[in-house]
Amino acid sequence: MQIKLIPNENGIPEWIAIELQGAFEFNADMSGKSIGHLAWMQDGTVGFVIGHQYLEGKLTDLQRPFLVINKASLRGMNGVSATEHTFNSGDQITASTLPKTSIKRCDIMGVIRRKILFNTRPKPIVPRHDHK
């Protein structure tokens, strides 16, 4: 079976991944909320402010691009979700490797060719207080 990749009406937008060391922990649901602010510096680095922490990173190219696909459209021939099957990065997806509940259609939301890599520890931001 051939996999039909359908771009959205504006073509395929390019996304940039963000790679951090460690994990985010939130006490509340953060869906749809901002977690921080990104800033592109004149020297080519990227600054990321999260709460009272500052991270400095750099933009790098990925060895292999990733596709961002809409999971809602991943349906097999008999209605079983294709997301129940695991495809690892770098896997060759061909007609022989697809499960019997093969993917009929994938909507491409974007392609990721670059990432912002933050590989250093965050620096604390200490607010300045005017003492009079």
N, C-alpha and C. Protein backbone atom coordinates (compact mmCIF):
# COMPACT_ATOMS: atom_id res chain seq x y z
N MET A 1 0.84 -1.18 0.00
CA MET A 1 0.00 0.00 0.00
C MET A 1 0.88 1.24 0.00
N GLN A 2 0.51 2.20 -0.77
CA GLN A 2 1.22 3.47 -0.84
C GLN A 2 0.66 4.43 0.20
N ILE A 3 1.55 5.15 0.88
CA ILE A 3 1.12 6.15 1.86
C ILE A 3 0.98 7.48 1.15
N LYS A 4 -0.19 8.05 1.21
CA LYS A 4 -0.44 9.34 0.57
C LYS A 4 -0.21 10.45 1.59
N LEU A 5 0.77 11.30 1.35
CA LEU A 5 1.09 12.42 2.23
C LEU A 5 0.45 13.67 1.65
N ILE A 6 -0.43 14.30 2.44
CA ILE A 6 -1.19 15.45 1.95
C ILE A 6 -0.77 16.70 2.72
N PRO A 7 -0.13 17.66 2.03
CA PRO A 7 0.23 18.91 2.73
C PRO A 7 -1.01 19.78 2.93
N ASN A 8 -0.92 20.68 3.91
CA ASN A 8 -2.05 21.60 4.11
C ASN A 8 -2.09 22.63 2.99
N GLU A 9 -3.12 23.49 2.98
CA GLU A 9 -3.29 24.38 1.84
C GLU A 9 -2.18 25.40 1.66
N ASN A 10 -1.42 25.69 2.68
CA ASN A 10 -0.32 26.66 2.57
C ASN A 10 1.01 26.00 2.25
N GLY A 11 1.01 24.74 1.90
CA GLY A 11 2.27 24.04 1.71
C GLY A 11 2.68 23.40 3.03
N ILE A 12 3.93 23.09 3.16
CA ILE A 12 4.42 22.44 4.38
C ILE A 12 5.24 23.45 5.17
N PRO A 13 4.73 23.92 6.30
CA PRO A 13 5.51 24.88 7.09
C PRO A 13 6.68 24.19 7.79
N GLU A 14 7.77 24.92 7.96
CA GLU A 14 8.93 24.37 8.67
C GLU A 14 8.85 24.77 10.13
N TRP A 15 8.93 23.77 11.01
CA TRP A 15 8.93 24.00 12.44
C TRP A 15 10.35 23.85 12.96
N ILE A 16 10.61 24.36 14.15
CA ILE A 16 11.90 24.21 14.82
C ILE A 16 11.66 23.52 16.15
N ALA A 17 12.39 22.44 16.40
CA ALA A 17 12.26 21.71 17.66
C ALA A 17 13.10 22.39 18.73
N ILE A 18 12.71 22.21 19.98
CA ILE A 18 13.47 22.73 21.12
C ILE A 18 13.92 21.54 21.94
N GLU A 19 15.24 21.41 22.14
CA GLU A 19 15.79 20.31 22.92
C GLU A 19 16.36 20.85 24.22
N LEU A 20 15.84 20.34 25.33
CA LEU A 20 16.27 20.76 26.66
C LEU A 20 16.81 19.55 27.42
N GLN A 21 17.71 19.79 28.35
CA GLN A 21 18.18 18.74 29.25
C GLN A 21 17.33 18.81 30.50
N GLY A 22 16.79 17.70 30.95
CA GLY A 22 15.94 17.71 32.14
C GLY A 22 14.48 17.62 31.77
N ALA A 23 13.63 18.06 32.68
CA ALA A 23 12.18 17.95 32.48
C ALA A 23 11.47 19.16 33.05
N PHE A 24 10.32 19.46 32.47
CA PHE A 24 9.44 20.50 33.00
C PHE A 24 8.46 19.85 33.97
N GLU A 25 8.23 20.51 35.09
CA GLU A 25 7.21 20.04 36.03
C GLU A 25 6.29 21.21 36.33
N PHE A 26 4.99 20.99 36.15
CA PHE A 26 4.00 22.03 36.37
C PHE A 26 2.98 21.54 37.39
N ASN A 27 2.49 22.44 38.21
CA ASN A 27 1.46 22.11 39.20
C ASN A 27 0.05 22.23 38.62
N ALA A 28 -0.08 22.89 37.48
CA ALA A 28 -1.39 23.11 36.86
C ALA A 28 -1.32 22.73 35.38
N ASP A 29 -2.47 22.63 34.75
CA ASP A 29 -2.54 22.34 33.33
C ASP A 29 -2.02 23.54 32.54
N MET A 30 -1.05 23.31 31.66
CA MET A 30 -0.44 24.39 30.89
C MET A 30 -0.90 24.41 29.43
N SER A 31 -1.93 23.66 29.10
CA SER A 31 -2.42 23.61 27.72
C SER A 31 -2.78 25.01 27.23
N GLY A 32 -2.19 25.40 26.11
CA GLY A 32 -2.50 26.69 25.51
C GLY A 32 -1.88 27.89 26.20
N LYS A 33 -1.06 27.66 27.22
CA LYS A 33 -0.44 28.77 27.95
C LYS A 33 1.04 28.88 27.59
N SER A 34 1.57 30.07 27.72
CA SER A 34 2.99 30.32 27.45
C SER A 34 3.83 29.80 28.61
N ILE A 35 4.94 29.13 28.27
CA ILE A 35 5.84 28.67 29.33
C ILE A 35 7.09 29.54 29.44
N GLY A 36 7.29 30.42 28.46
CA GLY A 36 8.47 31.26 28.49
C GLY A 36 8.57 32.13 27.25
N HIS A 37 9.72 32.80 27.12
CA HIS A 37 9.94 33.72 26.01
C HIS A 37 11.26 33.38 25.33
N LEU A 38 11.23 33.24 23.99
CA LEU A 38 12.43 33.01 23.18
C LEU A 38 12.90 34.33 22.61
N ALA A 39 14.22 34.50 22.56
CA ALA A 39 14.79 35.71 21.96
C ALA A 39 16.02 35.33 21.14
N TRP A 40 16.08 35.83 19.89
CA TRP A 40 17.23 35.59 19.03
C TRP A 40 18.24 36.70 19.29
N MET A 41 19.45 36.34 19.67
CA MET A 41 20.50 37.31 19.98
C MET A 41 21.28 37.68 18.72
N GLN A 42 21.97 38.83 18.77
CA GLN A 42 22.74 39.29 17.61
C GLN A 42 23.92 38.38 17.29
N ASP A 43 24.44 37.68 18.30
CA ASP A 43 25.59 36.79 18.06
C ASP A 43 25.17 35.41 17.55
N GLY A 44 23.88 35.21 17.27
CA GLY A 44 23.41 33.95 16.72
C GLY A 44 22.90 32.96 17.76
N THR A 45 23.05 33.26 19.04
CA THR A 45 22.53 32.37 20.07
C THR A 45 21.05 32.66 20.31
N VAL A 46 20.44 31.78 21.08
CA VAL A 46 19.02 31.92 21.39
C VAL A 46 18.87 31.96 22.91
N GLY A 47 18.14 32.96 23.41
CA GLY A 47 17.86 33.05 24.84
C GLY A 47 16.45 32.58 25.12
N PHE A 48 16.27 31.88 26.24
CA PHE A 48 14.95 31.36 26.62
C PHE A 48 14.74 31.64 28.10
N VAL A 49 13.75 32.47 28.41
CA VAL A 49 13.44 32.82 29.79
C VAL A 49 12.21 32.04 30.21
N ILE A 50 12.37 31.24 31.27
CA ILE A 50 11.27 30.46 31.83
C ILE A 50 11.20 30.82 33.31
N GLY A 51 10.17 31.56 33.69
CA GLY A 51 10.05 31.98 35.09
C GLY A 51 11.24 32.83 35.48
N HIS A 52 11.99 32.39 36.49
CA HIS A 52 13.18 33.11 36.96
C HIS A 52 14.46 32.39 36.53
N GLN A 53 14.40 31.70 35.39
CA GLN A 53 15.55 30.97 34.86
C GLN A 53 15.84 31.44 33.44
N TYR A 54 17.13 31.48 33.08
CA TYR A 54 17.54 31.88 31.74
C TYR A 54 18.38 30.76 31.14
N LEU A 55 18.01 30.33 29.94
CA LEU A 55 18.76 29.32 29.20
C LEU A 55 19.34 29.95 27.95
N GLU A 56 20.55 29.54 27.58
CA GLU A 56 21.17 30.01 26.35
C GLU A 56 21.44 28.81 25.46
N GLY A 57 21.03 28.90 24.20
CA GLY A 57 21.20 27.78 23.29
C GLY A 57 21.63 28.24 21.91
N LYS A 58 21.69 27.26 21.00
CA LYS A 58 22.09 27.58 19.63
C LYS A 58 21.24 26.77 18.65
N LEU A 59 21.09 27.30 17.46
CA LEU A 59 20.33 26.66 16.40
C LEU A 59 21.24 25.69 15.66
N THR A 60 20.81 24.43 15.55
CA THR A 60 21.60 23.41 14.85
C THR A 60 20.72 22.67 13.85
N ASP A 61 21.35 22.10 12.83
CA ASP A 61 20.63 21.31 11.84
C ASP A 61 20.50 19.87 12.33
N LEU A 62 19.37 19.24 12.02
CA LEU A 62 19.17 17.83 12.34
C LEU A 62 19.83 16.98 11.26
N GLN A 63 20.32 15.80 11.63
CA GLN A 63 20.89 14.90 10.63
C GLN A 63 19.82 14.41 9.66
N ARG A 64 18.63 14.12 10.20
CA ARG A 64 17.51 13.68 9.38
C ARG A 64 16.28 14.48 9.77
N PRO A 65 15.52 14.98 8.80
CA PRO A 65 14.32 15.75 9.14
C PRO A 65 13.22 14.86 9.71
N PHE A 66 12.32 15.47 10.47
CA PHE A 66 11.15 14.80 11.03
C PHE A 66 9.90 15.42 10.40
N LEU A 67 8.90 14.60 10.16
CA LEU A 67 7.60 15.10 9.72
C LEU A 67 6.69 15.21 10.93
N VAL A 68 5.90 16.27 10.98
CA VAL A 68 4.88 16.42 12.01
C VAL A 68 3.56 16.10 11.31
N ILE A 69 2.90 15.03 11.78
CA ILE A 69 1.67 14.60 11.13
C ILE A 69 0.50 14.68 12.09
N ASN A 70 -0.68 14.84 11.53
CA ASN A 70 -1.91 14.94 12.32
C ASN A 70 -2.37 13.55 12.69
N LYS A 71 -2.29 13.20 13.98
CA LYS A 71 -2.69 11.88 14.44
C LYS A 71 -4.17 11.59 14.23
N ALA A 72 -4.99 12.59 14.20
CA ALA A 72 -6.43 12.39 14.05
C ALA A 72 -6.77 11.74 12.72
N SER A 73 -5.91 11.91 11.72
CA SER A 73 -6.22 11.33 10.41
C SER A 73 -5.55 9.99 10.20
N LEU A 74 -4.84 9.46 11.21
CA LEU A 74 -4.19 8.16 11.07
C LEU A 74 -5.18 7.06 11.40
N ARG A 75 -5.87 6.58 10.41
CA ARG A 75 -6.86 5.52 10.60
C ARG A 75 -6.56 4.37 9.65
N GLY A 76 -6.71 3.17 10.13
CA GLY A 76 -6.47 1.99 9.32
C GLY A 76 -7.69 1.61 8.51
N MET A 77 -7.56 0.52 7.77
CA MET A 77 -8.65 0.08 6.89
C MET A 77 -9.90 -0.29 7.66
N ASN A 78 -9.75 -0.87 8.85
CA ASN A 78 -10.94 -1.26 9.61
C ASN A 78 -11.21 -0.32 10.77
N GLY A 79 -10.68 0.91 10.71
CA GLY A 79 -10.97 1.91 11.73
C GLY A 79 -10.07 1.87 12.94
N VAL A 80 -9.13 0.92 13.01
CA VAL A 80 -8.21 0.86 14.15
C VAL A 80 -7.17 1.96 13.99
N SER A 81 -6.90 2.66 15.05
CA SER A 81 -5.95 3.77 14.99
C SER A 81 -4.55 3.25 14.72
N ALA A 82 -3.87 3.89 13.76
CA ALA A 82 -2.49 3.50 13.45
C ALA A 82 -1.54 3.94 14.54
N THR A 83 -1.97 4.80 15.46
CA THR A 83 -1.09 5.23 16.54
C THR A 83 -0.87 4.11 17.55
N GLU A 84 -1.61 3.01 17.44
CA GLU A 84 -1.38 1.86 18.30
C GLU A 84 -0.10 1.13 17.90
N HIS A 85 0.43 1.42 16.75
CA HIS A 85 1.64 0.79 16.26
C HIS A 85 2.80 1.77 16.40
N THR A 86 3.97 1.25 16.75
CA THR A 86 5.13 2.11 17.00
C THR A 86 6.03 2.13 15.78
N PHE A 87 6.35 3.33 15.31
CA PHE A 87 7.33 3.52 14.26
C PHE A 87 8.45 4.35 14.85
N ASN A 88 9.66 3.84 14.87
CA ASN A 88 10.79 4.54 15.46
C ASN A 88 11.44 5.46 14.44
N SER A 89 12.19 6.44 14.94
CA SER A 89 12.90 7.37 14.08
C SER A 89 13.87 6.58 13.20
N GLY A 90 13.85 6.85 11.93
CA GLY A 90 14.75 6.17 11.01
C GLY A 90 14.18 4.90 10.41
N ASP A 91 13.00 4.45 10.86
CA ASP A 91 12.38 3.25 10.30
C ASP A 91 11.98 3.50 8.85
N GLN A 92 12.20 2.50 8.01
CA GLN A 92 11.73 2.56 6.64
C GLN A 92 10.28 2.09 6.65
N ILE A 93 9.36 2.94 6.28
CA ILE A 93 7.94 2.56 6.26
C ILE A 93 7.58 2.24 4.82
N THR A 94 7.35 0.96 4.56
CA THR A 94 6.97 0.50 3.23
C THR A 94 5.70 -0.33 3.37
N ALA A 95 5.17 -0.78 2.25
CA ALA A 95 3.95 -1.58 2.28
C ALA A 95 4.15 -2.86 3.09
N SER A 96 5.34 -3.44 3.05
CA SER A 96 5.58 -4.69 3.78
C SER A 96 5.76 -4.47 5.28
N THR A 97 6.16 -3.26 5.72
CA THR A 97 6.35 -3.02 7.15
C THR A 97 5.12 -2.48 7.84
N LEU A 98 4.11 -2.05 7.08
CA LEU A 98 2.90 -1.53 7.69
C LEU A 98 2.05 -2.67 8.23
N PRO A 99 1.38 -2.45 9.37
CA PRO A 99 0.48 -3.48 9.89
C PRO A 99 -0.74 -3.63 8.98
N LYS A 100 -1.52 -4.67 9.21
CA LYS A 100 -2.70 -4.91 8.37
C LYS A 100 -3.69 -3.76 8.44
N THR A 101 -3.73 -3.06 9.58
CA THR A 101 -4.58 -1.87 9.69
C THR A 101 -3.77 -0.67 9.23
N SER A 102 -3.35 -0.71 7.95
CA SER A 102 -2.42 0.28 7.42
C SER A 102 -2.97 1.69 7.39
N ILE A 103 -2.05 2.62 7.30
CA ILE A 103 -2.39 4.03 7.23
C ILE A 103 -2.90 4.32 5.83
N LYS A 104 -4.05 4.96 5.73
CA LYS A 104 -4.60 5.33 4.44
C LYS A 104 -4.23 6.75 4.06
N ARG A 105 -4.05 7.61 5.08
CA ARG A 105 -3.81 9.03 4.79
C ARG A 105 -3.10 9.66 5.98
N CYS A 106 -2.15 10.54 5.68
CA CYS A 106 -1.46 11.31 6.72
C CYS A 106 -1.49 12.77 6.31
N ASP A 107 -2.00 13.63 7.19
CA ASP A 107 -1.95 15.07 6.93
C ASP A 107 -0.65 15.60 7.49
N ILE A 108 0.16 16.20 6.65
CA ILE A 108 1.44 16.75 7.09
C ILE A 108 1.20 18.15 7.64
N MET A 109 1.56 18.34 8.90
CA MET A 109 1.39 19.63 9.55
C MET A 109 2.66 20.47 9.42
N GLY A 110 3.81 19.83 9.32
CA GLY A 110 5.06 20.56 9.20
C GLY A 110 6.23 19.61 9.08
N VAL A 111 7.39 20.18 8.83
CA VAL A 111 8.63 19.43 8.77
C VAL A 111 9.63 20.11 9.71
N ILE A 112 10.40 19.30 10.43
CA ILE A 112 11.41 19.84 11.35
C ILE A 112 12.79 19.48 10.80
N ARG A 113 13.55 20.50 10.41
CA ARG A 113 14.90 20.30 9.88
C ARG A 113 15.98 20.86 10.81
N ARG A 114 15.55 21.70 11.76
CA ARG A 114 16.51 22.33 12.69
C ARG A 114 15.96 22.27 14.11
N LYS A 115 16.87 22.41 15.06
CA LYS A 115 16.45 22.45 16.46
C LYS A 115 17.26 23.50 17.20
N ILE A 116 16.66 24.00 18.28
CA ILE A 116 17.39 24.89 19.19
C ILE A 116 17.84 24.00 20.34
N LEU A 117 19.14 23.91 20.52
CA LEU A 117 19.72 23.03 21.54
C LEU A 117 20.14 23.85 22.75
N PHE A 118 19.54 23.54 23.89
CA PHE A 118 19.91 24.14 25.17
C PHE A 118 20.59 23.03 25.97
N ASN A 119 21.93 23.05 26.01
CA ASN A 119 22.64 21.96 26.68
C ASN A 119 23.43 22.42 27.90
N THR A 120 23.13 23.59 28.41
CA THR A 120 23.78 24.06 29.64
C THR A 120 22.73 24.23 30.73
N ARG A 121 23.20 24.33 31.95
CA ARG A 121 22.29 24.52 33.09
C ARG A 121 21.68 25.92 33.03
N PRO A 122 20.44 26.05 33.49
CA PRO A 122 19.82 27.38 33.51
C PRO A 122 20.52 28.30 34.51
N LYS A 123 20.54 29.58 34.16
CA LYS A 123 21.11 30.60 35.06
C LYS A 123 19.95 31.28 35.78
N PRO A 124 20.07 31.47 37.09
CA PRO A 124 18.98 32.15 37.80
C PRO A 124 18.93 33.63 37.44
N ILE A 125 17.73 34.17 37.36
CA ILE A 125 17.54 35.60 37.13
C ILE A 125 17.18 36.21 38.48
N VAL A 126 18.05 37.10 38.94
CA VAL A 126 17.83 37.75 40.23
C VAL A 126 17.34 39.17 39.95
N PRO A 127 16.13 39.52 40.40
CA PRO A 127 15.61 40.87 40.14
C PRO A 127 16.41 41.92 40.90
N ARG A 128 16.56 43.08 40.27
CA ARG A 128 17.27 44.20 40.91
C ARG A 128 16.30 44.96 41.79
N HIS A 129 16.74 45.31 42.96
CA HIS A 129 15.94 46.12 43.88
C HIS A 129 16.66 47.42 44.12
N ASP A 130 15.94 48.51 43.99
CA ASP A 130 16.53 49.82 44.29
C ASP A 130 16.44 50.05 45.79
N HIS A 131 17.59 50.28 46.39
CA HIS A 131 17.63 50.57 47.83
C HIS A 131 17.79 52.06 48.01
N LYS A 132 16.87 52.67 48.74
CA LYS A 132 16.93 54.12 48.95
C LYS A 132 17.23 54.43 50.37
